[in-house]
Amino acid sequence: AQDAADPDEADERLITATDILAVRAAFDDMLVRKGLLTDDQLDLIRHGTRSRGIVTGMRTTGGSREGHREVELDVMVRKPGGGQFPAHEKALIPASSLAKVSPGSIIDTYYRSGDESAVAICVSPS
């Protein structure tokens, strides 16, 4: 018979979709509160069309926050259904990942289908 006080069983618990959504919401709130993403950028990342973009130009602005560096990026965004469009966006990139946004790099981009006026860029820390 198993002892109810078995420490290996005491920590077992199923994580529900609600738990995952709560953690994601808390993380999203932290990113916005720290100024790493705007509400609009976060909305594009969570609800927009995910695509790939090729960095065609990158300039650091000298701004920084929470270990991230502000950059201005020129990106050619590929549309999933075919075609592409240019975008010019400011983004806060983890300092350890600046090499990931050098010209020629492929990055994740998000935009609203039918609206190419705003693009969110997502680069993970190295």
N, C-alpha and C. Protein backbone atom coordinates (compact mmCIF):
# COMPACT_ATOMS: atom_id res chain seq x y z
N ALA A 1 0.84 -1.19 0.00
CA ALA A 1 0.00 0.00 0.00
C ALA A 1 0.87 1.24 0.00
N GLN A 2 0.46 2.26 -0.79
CA GLN A 2 1.20 3.53 -0.86
C GLN A 2 0.90 4.36 0.37
N ASP A 3 1.91 4.98 0.90
CA ASP A 3 1.76 5.88 2.04
C ASP A 3 1.29 7.23 1.51
N ALA A 4 0.25 7.79 2.06
CA ALA A 4 -0.31 9.07 1.60
C ALA A 4 0.69 10.21 1.77
N ALA A 5 1.68 10.03 2.62
CA ALA A 5 2.66 11.09 2.85
C ALA A 5 3.87 10.97 1.92
N ASP A 6 3.78 10.14 0.89
CA ASP A 6 4.88 9.94 -0.06
C ASP A 6 5.20 11.29 -0.73
N PRO A 7 6.42 11.82 -0.56
CA PRO A 7 6.75 13.14 -1.10
C PRO A 7 6.71 13.19 -2.63
N ASP A 8 6.91 12.08 -3.32
CA ASP A 8 6.87 12.07 -4.78
C ASP A 8 5.46 12.33 -5.30
N GLU A 9 4.47 11.92 -4.53
CA GLU A 9 3.09 12.11 -4.96
C GLU A 9 2.53 13.46 -4.50
N ALA A 10 3.07 14.02 -3.48
CA ALA A 10 2.53 15.26 -2.91
C ALA A 10 2.59 16.43 -3.89
N ASP A 11 3.58 16.45 -4.79
CA ASP A 11 3.74 17.57 -5.71
C ASP A 11 3.05 17.36 -7.05
N GLU A 12 2.44 16.19 -7.26
CA GLU A 12 1.79 15.93 -8.53
C GLU A 12 0.48 16.70 -8.61
N ARG A 13 0.30 17.40 -9.73
CA ARG A 13 -0.90 18.20 -9.94
C ARG A 13 -1.02 18.47 -11.43
N LEU A 14 -2.18 18.35 -11.97
CA LEU A 14 -2.38 18.64 -13.38
C LEU A 14 -2.49 20.15 -13.57
N ILE A 15 -1.82 20.65 -14.57
CA ILE A 15 -1.93 22.07 -14.90
C ILE A 15 -3.02 22.20 -15.94
N THR A 16 -3.95 23.09 -15.69
CA THR A 16 -5.08 23.27 -16.61
C THR A 16 -4.80 24.41 -17.58
N ALA A 17 -5.61 24.48 -18.62
CA ALA A 17 -5.50 25.57 -19.59
C ALA A 17 -5.70 26.92 -18.89
N THR A 18 -6.57 26.96 -17.89
CA THR A 18 -6.80 28.19 -17.13
C THR A 18 -5.52 28.62 -16.42
N ASP A 19 -4.80 27.65 -15.84
CA ASP A 19 -3.52 27.96 -15.18
C ASP A 19 -2.54 28.57 -16.17
N ILE A 20 -2.45 27.97 -17.35
CA ILE A 20 -1.51 28.45 -18.38
C ILE A 20 -1.88 29.86 -18.82
N LEU A 21 -3.17 30.10 -19.03
CA LEU A 21 -3.61 31.44 -19.44
C LEU A 21 -3.33 32.47 -18.35
N ALA A 22 -3.49 32.09 -17.09
CA ALA A 22 -3.21 33.01 -15.98
C ALA A 22 -1.72 33.37 -15.93
N VAL A 23 -0.86 32.37 -16.13
CA VAL A 23 0.59 32.63 -16.14
C VAL A 23 0.94 33.53 -17.33
N ARG A 24 0.37 33.25 -18.50
CA ARG A 24 0.65 34.06 -19.69
C ARG A 24 0.19 35.50 -19.47
N ALA A 25 -0.99 35.69 -18.89
CA ALA A 25 -1.50 37.03 -18.64
C ALA A 25 -0.60 37.79 -17.67
N ALA A 26 -0.13 37.11 -16.63
CA ALA A 26 0.78 37.76 -15.67
C ALA A 26 2.09 38.14 -16.35
N PHE A 27 2.61 37.26 -17.21
CA PHE A 27 3.86 37.55 -17.93
C PHE A 27 3.65 38.72 -18.89
N ASP A 28 2.53 38.72 -19.62
CA ASP A 28 2.21 39.82 -20.53
C ASP A 28 2.14 41.14 -19.78
N ASP A 29 1.45 41.14 -18.63
CA ASP A 29 1.34 42.36 -17.82
C ASP A 29 2.71 42.86 -17.39
N MET A 30 3.60 41.94 -17.02
CA MET A 30 4.95 42.31 -16.60
C MET A 30 5.72 42.96 -17.77
N LEU A 31 5.59 42.40 -18.98
CA LEU A 31 6.29 42.96 -20.15
C LEU A 31 5.82 44.39 -20.43
N VAL A 32 4.52 44.63 -20.33
CA VAL A 32 3.98 45.97 -20.57
C VAL A 32 4.37 46.91 -19.44
N ARG A 33 4.27 46.45 -18.19
CA ARG A 33 4.61 47.28 -17.03
C ARG A 33 6.07 47.73 -17.07
N LYS A 34 6.96 46.82 -17.50
CA LYS A 34 8.39 47.17 -17.58
C LYS A 34 8.70 47.99 -18.83
N GLY A 35 7.72 48.17 -19.71
CA GLY A 35 7.93 48.97 -20.91
C GLY A 35 8.64 48.22 -22.02
N LEU A 36 8.69 46.89 -21.95
CA LEU A 36 9.38 46.11 -22.98
C LEU A 36 8.50 45.92 -24.21
N LEU A 37 7.19 45.95 -24.03
CA LEU A 37 6.23 45.89 -25.14
C LEU A 37 5.11 46.89 -24.85
N THR A 38 4.51 47.42 -25.90
CA THR A 38 3.32 48.24 -25.73
C THR A 38 2.10 47.32 -25.78
N ASP A 39 0.96 47.83 -25.34
CA ASP A 39 -0.28 47.04 -25.42
C ASP A 39 -0.56 46.65 -26.87
N ASP A 40 -0.32 47.58 -27.82
CA ASP A 40 -0.57 47.30 -29.23
C ASP A 40 0.34 46.19 -29.76
N GLN A 41 1.63 46.25 -29.39
CA GLN A 41 2.56 45.20 -29.83
C GLN A 41 2.15 43.84 -29.26
N LEU A 42 1.78 43.83 -27.99
CA LEU A 42 1.37 42.58 -27.36
C LEU A 42 0.12 42.02 -28.04
N ASP A 43 -0.83 42.89 -28.38
CA ASP A 43 -2.04 42.45 -29.06
C ASP A 43 -1.71 41.82 -30.42
N LEU A 44 -0.77 42.43 -31.16
CA LEU A 44 -0.37 41.86 -32.44
C LEU A 44 0.27 40.49 -32.26
N ILE A 45 1.14 40.35 -31.24
CA ILE A 45 1.82 39.08 -31.00
C ILE A 45 0.82 38.00 -30.59
N ARG A 46 -0.15 38.35 -29.77
CA ARG A 46 -1.11 37.35 -29.28
C ARG A 46 -2.22 37.04 -30.29
N HIS A 47 -2.61 38.03 -31.13
CA HIS A 47 -3.79 37.84 -31.96
C HIS A 47 -3.56 38.10 -33.45
N GLY A 48 -2.37 38.55 -33.82
CA GLY A 48 -2.10 38.88 -35.21
C GLY A 48 -1.64 37.67 -36.02
N THR A 49 -1.30 37.93 -37.26
CA THR A 49 -0.79 36.91 -38.16
C THR A 49 0.71 36.77 -37.94
N ARG A 50 1.15 35.57 -37.63
CA ARG A 50 2.59 35.33 -37.44
C ARG A 50 3.22 35.09 -38.80
N SER A 51 4.36 35.72 -39.00
CA SER A 51 5.08 35.57 -40.25
C SER A 51 6.57 35.65 -39.97
N ARG A 52 7.35 35.62 -41.03
CA ARG A 52 8.79 35.77 -40.94
C ARG A 52 9.15 37.05 -41.67
N GLY A 53 10.18 37.70 -41.17
CA GLY A 53 10.66 38.90 -41.82
C GLY A 53 12.17 38.84 -41.96
N ILE A 54 12.68 39.47 -43.00
CA ILE A 54 14.12 39.56 -43.20
C ILE A 54 14.53 40.98 -42.85
N VAL A 55 15.49 41.11 -41.92
CA VAL A 55 15.98 42.42 -41.52
C VAL A 55 16.79 43.00 -42.67
N THR A 56 16.40 44.18 -43.14
CA THR A 56 17.13 44.84 -44.22
C THR A 56 17.96 46.02 -43.70
N GLY A 57 17.67 46.45 -42.48
CA GLY A 57 18.44 47.53 -41.87
C GLY A 57 18.22 47.55 -40.37
N MET A 58 19.26 47.93 -39.61
CA MET A 58 19.15 48.00 -38.15
C MET A 58 20.01 49.14 -37.64
N ARG A 59 19.40 49.96 -36.76
CA ARG A 59 20.12 51.05 -36.12
C ARG A 59 19.78 51.03 -34.64
N THR A 60 20.80 51.11 -33.78
CA THR A 60 20.51 51.25 -32.35
C THR A 60 20.18 52.71 -32.09
N THR A 61 19.26 52.96 -31.18
CA THR A 61 18.86 54.34 -30.88
C THR A 61 19.61 54.89 -29.68
N GLY A 62 20.26 54.00 -28.91
CA GLY A 62 20.93 54.41 -27.68
C GLY A 62 20.04 54.22 -26.46
N GLY A 63 18.75 53.95 -26.68
CA GLY A 63 17.84 53.72 -25.57
C GLY A 63 17.99 52.30 -25.04
N SER A 64 17.72 52.13 -23.76
CA SER A 64 17.76 50.79 -23.18
C SER A 64 16.82 50.72 -21.99
N ARG A 65 16.42 49.48 -21.65
CA ARG A 65 15.52 49.25 -20.53
C ARG A 65 15.58 47.77 -20.17
N GLU A 66 15.78 47.47 -18.88
CA GLU A 66 15.71 46.10 -18.37
C GLU A 66 16.58 45.12 -19.16
N GLY A 67 17.80 45.51 -19.52
CA GLY A 67 18.68 44.60 -20.25
C GLY A 67 18.36 44.48 -21.73
N HIS A 68 17.49 45.34 -22.23
CA HIS A 68 17.10 45.35 -23.64
C HIS A 68 17.63 46.64 -24.27
N ARG A 69 17.93 46.59 -25.55
CA ARG A 69 18.38 47.77 -26.30
C ARG A 69 17.32 48.15 -27.32
N GLU A 70 17.05 49.44 -27.44
CA GLU A 70 16.09 49.90 -28.43
C GLU A 70 16.77 49.99 -29.79
N VAL A 71 16.11 49.42 -30.79
CA VAL A 71 16.62 49.46 -32.16
C VAL A 71 15.50 49.90 -33.09
N GLU A 72 15.91 50.48 -34.21
CA GLU A 72 15.00 50.74 -35.32
C GLU A 72 15.32 49.71 -36.38
N LEU A 73 14.29 48.98 -36.80
CA LEU A 73 14.49 47.92 -37.78
C LEU A 73 13.72 48.20 -39.06
N ASP A 74 14.36 47.94 -40.18
CA ASP A 74 13.69 47.87 -41.47
C ASP A 74 13.59 46.38 -41.77
N VAL A 75 12.37 45.95 -42.03
CA VAL A 75 12.11 44.52 -42.22
C VAL A 75 11.24 44.33 -43.45
N MET A 76 11.54 43.30 -44.24
CA MET A 76 10.68 42.89 -45.34
C MET A 76 9.87 41.70 -44.81
N VAL A 77 8.58 41.93 -44.59
CA VAL A 77 7.70 40.93 -43.98
C VAL A 77 7.05 40.08 -45.07
N ARG A 78 7.17 38.78 -44.91
CA ARG A 78 6.58 37.84 -45.86
C ARG A 78 5.14 37.57 -45.44
N LYS A 79 4.21 37.66 -46.41
CA LYS A 79 2.81 37.32 -46.14
C LYS A 79 2.64 35.82 -46.32
N PRO A 80 1.96 35.16 -45.37
CA PRO A 80 1.79 33.71 -45.48
C PRO A 80 1.13 33.26 -46.78
N GLY A 81 0.25 34.06 -47.34
CA GLY A 81 -0.43 33.68 -48.58
C GLY A 81 0.34 34.06 -49.84
N GLY A 82 1.51 34.64 -49.69
CA GLY A 82 2.30 35.09 -50.84
C GLY A 82 2.45 36.60 -50.82
N GLY A 83 3.56 37.07 -51.30
CA GLY A 83 3.85 38.49 -51.33
C GLY A 83 4.60 38.92 -50.08
N GLN A 84 4.94 40.19 -50.05
CA GLN A 84 5.68 40.75 -48.93
C GLN A 84 5.43 42.24 -48.86
N PHE A 85 5.81 42.85 -47.73
CA PHE A 85 5.70 44.29 -47.59
C PHE A 85 6.79 44.79 -46.65
N PRO A 86 7.23 46.05 -46.84
CA PRO A 86 8.27 46.61 -45.97
C PRO A 86 7.66 47.18 -44.70
N ALA A 87 8.43 47.12 -43.62
CA ALA A 87 8.00 47.71 -42.35
C ALA A 87 9.20 48.39 -41.70
N HIS A 88 8.92 49.44 -40.96
CA HIS A 88 9.94 50.16 -40.20
C HIS A 88 9.39 50.25 -38.79
N GLU A 89 10.06 49.61 -37.83
CA GLU A 89 9.55 49.55 -36.46
C GLU A 89 10.67 49.76 -35.45
N LYS A 90 10.30 50.35 -34.30
CA LYS A 90 11.20 50.39 -33.15
C LYS A 90 10.85 49.19 -32.28
N ALA A 91 11.87 48.59 -31.69
CA ALA A 91 11.64 47.44 -30.81
C ALA A 91 12.71 47.41 -29.74
N LEU A 92 12.37 46.84 -28.60
CA LEU A 92 13.35 46.58 -27.54
C LEU A 92 13.77 45.13 -27.67
N ILE A 93 15.05 44.92 -27.90
CA ILE A 93 15.63 43.59 -28.15
C ILE A 93 16.55 43.24 -26.99
N PRO A 94 16.49 41.99 -26.49
CA PRO A 94 17.44 41.61 -25.44
C PRO A 94 18.88 41.92 -25.90
N ALA A 95 19.66 42.54 -25.03
CA ALA A 95 21.03 42.92 -25.40
C ALA A 95 21.82 41.71 -25.90
N SER A 96 21.53 40.54 -25.34
CA SER A 96 22.24 39.32 -25.75
C SER A 96 21.84 38.86 -27.14
N SER A 97 20.81 39.46 -27.73
CA SER A 97 20.28 39.01 -29.02
C SER A 97 20.45 40.01 -30.15
N LEU A 98 21.25 41.05 -29.94
CA LEU A 98 21.39 42.06 -31.00
C LEU A 98 21.88 41.46 -32.32
N ALA A 99 22.72 40.43 -32.25
CA ALA A 99 23.21 39.79 -33.48
C ALA A 99 22.07 39.15 -34.26
N LYS A 100 20.97 38.80 -33.58
CA LYS A 100 19.83 38.18 -34.26
C LYS A 100 19.04 39.16 -35.12
N VAL A 101 19.32 40.46 -35.00
CA VAL A 101 18.59 41.45 -35.80
C VAL A 101 19.52 42.21 -36.74
N SER A 102 20.67 41.62 -37.05
CA SER A 102 21.56 42.26 -38.02
C SER A 102 20.99 42.04 -39.42
N PRO A 103 21.32 42.92 -40.38
CA PRO A 103 20.79 42.76 -41.74
C PRO A 103 21.03 41.35 -42.28
N GLY A 104 19.97 40.81 -42.88
CA GLY A 104 20.00 39.45 -43.41
C GLY A 104 19.40 38.43 -42.46
N SER A 105 19.22 38.80 -41.20
CA SER A 105 18.64 37.88 -40.22
C SER A 105 17.15 37.68 -40.49
N ILE A 106 16.65 36.49 -40.17
CA ILE A 106 15.22 36.19 -40.28
C ILE A 106 14.65 36.20 -38.87
N ILE A 107 13.57 36.97 -38.69
CA ILE A 107 12.96 37.13 -37.37
C ILE A 107 11.46 36.88 -37.46
N ASP A 108 10.85 36.63 -36.28
CA ASP A 108 9.40 36.48 -36.20
C ASP A 108 8.76 37.86 -36.21
N THR A 109 7.73 38.00 -37.04
CA THR A 109 6.98 39.24 -37.12
C THR A 109 5.50 38.93 -36.98
N TYR A 110 4.75 39.91 -36.53
CA TYR A 110 3.30 39.75 -36.36
C TYR A 110 2.62 41.01 -36.88
N TYR A 111 1.53 40.82 -37.60
CA TYR A 111 0.77 41.97 -38.09
C TYR A 111 -0.70 41.54 -38.22
N ARG A 112 -1.56 42.54 -38.38
CA ARG A 112 -2.97 42.25 -38.55
C ARG A 112 -3.26 42.12 -40.05
N SER A 113 -3.85 41.00 -40.42
CA SER A 113 -4.16 40.75 -41.83
C SER A 113 -4.98 41.91 -42.38
N GLY A 114 -4.55 42.45 -43.51
CA GLY A 114 -5.24 43.58 -44.12
C GLY A 114 -4.77 44.93 -43.61
N ASP A 115 -3.90 44.95 -42.60
CA ASP A 115 -3.37 46.19 -42.05
C ASP A 115 -1.86 46.06 -41.88
N GLU A 116 -1.14 46.60 -42.85
CA GLU A 116 0.33 46.50 -42.82
C GLU A 116 0.96 47.73 -42.17
N SER A 117 0.17 48.56 -41.49
CA SER A 117 0.71 49.79 -40.92
C SER A 117 1.47 49.57 -39.63
N ALA A 118 1.23 48.44 -38.95
CA ALA A 118 1.93 48.16 -37.69
C ALA A 118 2.39 46.71 -37.67
N VAL A 119 3.64 46.53 -37.28
CA VAL A 119 4.23 45.20 -37.19
C VAL A 119 4.90 45.09 -35.81
N ALA A 120 4.70 43.95 -35.16
CA ALA A 120 5.39 43.68 -33.90
C ALA A 120 6.49 42.67 -34.20
N ILE A 121 7.62 42.85 -33.53
CA ILE A 121 8.80 42.01 -33.73
C ILE A 121 9.07 41.28 -32.43
N CYS A 122 9.37 40.00 -32.54
CA CYS A 122 9.63 39.19 -31.36
C CYS A 122 10.97 38.48 -31.52
N VAL A 123 11.92 38.80 -30.64
CA VAL A 123 13.24 38.17 -30.65
C VAL A 123 13.50 37.65 -29.25
N SER A 124 13.77 36.36 -29.14
CA SER A 124 13.99 35.77 -27.82
C SER A 124 15.43 36.03 -27.36
N PRO A 125 15.65 36.01 -26.04
CA PRO A 125 17.01 36.18 -25.52
C PRO A 125 17.91 35.03 -25.98
N SER A 126 19.19 35.34 -26.17
CA SER A 126 20.14 34.29 -26.56
C SER A 126 20.62 33.55 -25.35
